[in-house]
């Protein structure tokens, strides 16, 4: 009986303790900004490090993700598009599901084409498995309520996915 109590105390002490909601939201925003700046700078290794592991796995690893991302940016440039900035907004309050935290982080992407500026409002889905300290991200621009569950089966229905808009 005593050994069971010790095991329970040990398990509790090593399990991730969630941050208060405001701290988890601040961490998600800061890490989403870090990811966004990596994209703008062309630091595709950093982008791969901050991308959700399921996406990394689907493309064959971090190196492959970095290569795919670099080629996508090069393709944009050949079309005359240049990524100027990504401005991250305020994340939704995190929602817990199956021992993970989820939030939606809106952002505005600014592109130029032949000196004409275009904006697109989109979002990241952020996932934390350690109580909101470290987050990984999925680009939400191609996600829907239906297909998000294929990638993230535990994605909480309480989180609403924003509409992607071009300005």
Foldseek 3Di string as FASTA:
>chain_A
DVVVVVVVVVVVVPAFDADPQVLLQVLVQVLVQVLFVCLLVLVQLSVLVQADPLVQVVQPHSVSSSVVSNVVQVVCVVVQKHWDGKAKDGKDGWDDWPQKTKIKIKIKTWMDHPNDIKIKIFIWIWMGNRNRNGIHTDTCQPDDPVCVCVRVVRPDPVYDGDDMDID
